[in-house]
Structure formats: structure tokens, C-alpha cells
Amino acid sequence: MKRYIVIAGAAAFLALIMHCGGGDGDSTGPTVKEDPSFAVDIQPIFTGSCAISGCHAAPGQLGLVLSTGQSYAGLVDVFSAQEPTLKRVEPFAPEESYLITKLEGRQTEGQRMPPGMPLSSNRIQTVKNWISKGARDN
């Protein structure tokens, strides 16, 4: 019985770790959204993976706050503090958006985001799809 409790506890802990920070680092994560809504599909990614203590929950991380109600204004058509020639999100142009560069780990400054627990390729594709559709605040 004691062994069962330890195994069940370890499984629950592993499930929690994989959920927090978007740590479903393979393409089998959540389904790709073809026409994502910012409020329903994109903000929850930021809330669970980026707007956490010590990261983008409060001003300090290069001035980017990704908390609900603040993230959109800090992302879309705003130049990156780290790469000032690039916009954080360039509507209709995911490959020119610094956010995608950071999520995919292609940046030349800093580290891949979120650190230690990269988003799944499905979540990144959902963000790309949102940007491709114009990065609407919907």
C-alpha cells in the first residue's frame, strides 16, 4: 500500500510539472488552434507559462508584462527591448515577430522562453496562427 501511494504521488507530481510552464515539450501537446482567439487560446498560454513569479508577471523583465489585461498592449506592434529593430509581435508576420524567435530558441540575445520548460510545437504553432491572422485582440 505504501509503495502504491509513493508511485501515485510521483505520477501526480510529474503531471503537475508537465502542465505548469507549458512543459509539454513535444508536438503531442494541446491541439493546434487554426484560428485562435487571444482571450481563449493565447492569453492562457502566457498566464500558465510566462506570467509567473520572477518572469513576466510584473514589470522588470525588459518591461514586458504578460498578465491578463496587460499582455496584448505590451506585445502587438511594440518594439522589443532586447532586439530593438524587431517588433515583439508583427501582425500577419510570425517569422518576423521576436516572440516567435524567443519561443523557438532562435534568438541571439538572452535565452529561449520560457526557460527550462519550452512550449510544445503545437502551442507555438497556435501562437504563430494567431499572429498570421493579424494578432487580433479577440
Protein backbone atom coordinates (compact mmCIF):
# COMPACT_ATOMS: atom_id res chain seq x y z
CA MET A 1 0.00 0.00 0.00
CA LYS A 2 2.81 2.40 0.91
CA ARG A 3 4.53 1.73 -2.43
CA TYR A 4 1.27 2.48 -4.31
CA ILE A 5 0.96 5.84 -2.55
CA VAL A 6 4.54 6.76 -3.46
CA ILE A 7 4.01 5.79 -7.11
CA ALA A 8 0.69 7.65 -7.28
CA GLY A 9 2.27 10.72 -5.67
CA ALA A 10 5.17 10.64 -8.11
CA ALA A 11 2.78 10.35 -11.06
CA ALA A 12 0.72 13.29 -9.81
CA PHE A 13 3.86 15.38 -9.32
CA LEU A 14 5.07 14.56 -12.84
CA ALA A 15 1.68 15.50 -14.29
CA LEU A 16 1.79 18.83 -12.42
CA ILE A 17 5.29 19.61 -13.68
CA MET A 18 4.32 18.80 -17.24
CA HIS A 19 1.28 21.09 -17.01
CA CYS A 20 2.96 24.05 -15.32
CA GLY A 21 5.08 26.20 -17.58
CA GLY A 22 3.61 24.63 -20.68
CA GLY A 23 6.15 21.85 -20.33
CA ASP A 24 4.68 19.56 -22.93
CA GLY A 25 7.86 19.88 -24.94
CA ASP A 26 6.76 17.68 -27.85
CA SER A 27 4.23 18.11 -30.60
CA THR A 28 1.70 15.88 -28.86
CA GLY A 29 0.65 18.70 -26.55
CA PRO A 30 -2.63 20.58 -26.86
CA THR A 31 -4.27 20.68 -30.28
CA VAL A 32 -3.16 23.41 -32.66
CA LYS A 33 -5.81 26.11 -32.98
CA GLU A 34 -6.15 27.21 -36.60
CA ASP A 35 -7.96 30.50 -35.86
CA PRO A 36 -7.11 31.21 -32.22
CA SER A 37 -8.72 33.80 -30.02
CA PHE A 38 -6.38 35.92 -27.94
CA ALA A 39 -8.53 35.67 -24.81
CA VAL A 40 -9.42 31.98 -25.13
CA ASP A 41 -6.27 30.44 -26.62
CA ILE A 42 -3.27 32.80 -26.39
CA GLN A 43 -3.61 34.52 -23.01
CA PRO A 44 -3.92 31.16 -21.19
CA ILE A 45 -0.55 30.14 -22.69
CA PHE A 46 1.03 33.33 -21.33
CA THR A 47 -0.75 33.00 -17.98
CA GLY A 48 0.39 29.42 -17.43
CA SER A 49 3.90 29.68 -18.86
CA CYS A 50 5.11 33.29 -18.79
CA ALA A 51 3.17 35.50 -16.35
CA ILE A 52 4.54 33.73 -13.31
CA SER A 53 6.53 34.99 -10.34
CA GLY A 54 10.01 36.09 -11.34
CA CYS A 55 9.15 36.19 -15.03
CA HIS A 56 6.60 38.36 -16.85
CA ALA A 57 4.04 38.76 -14.05
CA ALA A 58 5.23 42.25 -13.13
CA PRO A 59 7.40 44.94 -14.70
CA GLY A 60 11.06 44.10 -14.69
CA GLN A 61 11.64 41.51 -17.43
CA LEU A 62 12.55 44.03 -20.13
CA GLY A 63 9.28 45.83 -19.44
CA LEU A 64 7.09 43.02 -20.76
CA VAL A 65 4.15 42.05 -18.54
CA LEU A 66 2.16 39.08 -19.83
CA SER A 67 -0.58 39.08 -17.21
CA THR A 68 -4.23 39.16 -18.23
CA GLY A 69 -5.27 42.67 -19.18
CA GLN A 70 -1.70 43.84 -19.83
CA SER A 71 -0.12 41.41 -22.27
CA TYR A 72 -1.75 42.47 -25.54
CA ALA A 73 -0.70 46.13 -25.24
CA GLY A 74 2.87 45.11 -24.43
CA LEU A 75 3.22 42.74 -27.36
CA VAL A 76 1.49 43.82 -30.55
CA ASP A 77 3.29 46.47 -32.64
CA VAL A 78 5.74 47.10 -29.77
CA PHE A 79 9.47 47.01 -30.47
CA SER A 80 11.49 44.50 -28.46
CA ALA A 81 13.75 45.87 -25.72
CA GLN A 82 16.22 43.08 -26.46
CA GLU A 83 16.18 43.40 -30.28
CA PRO A 84 15.02 47.00 -30.91
CA THR A 85 14.76 46.54 -34.69
CA LEU A 86 12.11 43.82 -34.28
CA LYS A 87 8.58 44.07 -33.00
CA ARG A 88 7.59 41.64 -30.28
CA VAL A 89 4.56 40.75 -32.41
CA GLU A 90 4.35 41.89 -36.01
CA PRO A 91 0.73 41.25 -37.09
CA PHE A 92 0.45 38.89 -40.08
CA ALA A 93 4.20 38.07 -39.83
CA PRO A 94 5.03 35.39 -37.26
CA GLU A 95 8.54 34.76 -38.62
CA GLU A 96 9.33 38.48 -38.20
CA SER A 97 7.93 38.56 -34.65
CA TYR A 98 10.52 38.44 -31.89
CA LEU A 99 8.10 36.50 -29.70
CA ILE A 100 8.30 33.53 -32.07
CA THR A 101 12.08 33.83 -32.25
CA LYS A 102 12.23 33.55 -28.45
CA LEU A 103 9.68 30.72 -28.23
CA GLU A 104 11.60 28.70 -30.85
CA GLY A 105 15.02 29.41 -29.33
CA ARG A 106 16.43 31.22 -32.39
CA GLN A 107 17.38 34.42 -30.54
CA THR A 108 20.93 35.81 -30.43
CA GLU A 109 20.37 37.60 -27.10
CA GLY A 110 19.17 36.05 -23.87
CA GLN A 111 17.65 32.59 -23.70
CA ARG A 112 14.76 30.61 -25.10
CA MET A 113 11.41 31.35 -23.50
CA PRO A 114 10.01 30.08 -21.27
CA PRO A 115 13.32 29.00 -19.71
CA GLY A 116 13.66 25.35 -18.79
CA MET A 117 10.18 24.37 -19.99
CA PRO A 118 9.78 25.25 -23.67
CA LEU A 119 6.30 25.31 -25.13
CA SER A 120 5.21 22.38 -27.27
CA SER A 121 5.41 22.82 -31.02
CA ASN A 122 1.58 22.77 -31.06
CA ARG A 123 1.37 25.73 -28.68
CA ILE A 124 3.99 27.63 -30.65
CA GLN A 125 2.06 26.93 -33.85
CA THR A 126 -1.12 28.22 -32.20
CA VAL A 127 0.69 31.48 -31.35
CA LYS A 128 2.01 31.65 -34.93
CA ASN A 129 -1.50 31.13 -36.27
CA TRP A 130 -2.78 33.96 -34.08
CA ILE A 131 -0.08 36.28 -35.42
CA SER A 132 -0.69 35.12 -39.02
CA LYS A 133 -4.38 36.04 -38.66
CA GLY A 134 -3.43 39.58 -37.65
CA ALA A 135 -2.76 39.21 -33.88
CA ARG A 136 -6.30 40.34 -33.09
CA ASP A 137 -7.39 41.25 -29.57
CA ASN A 138 -10.37 38.90 -29.62
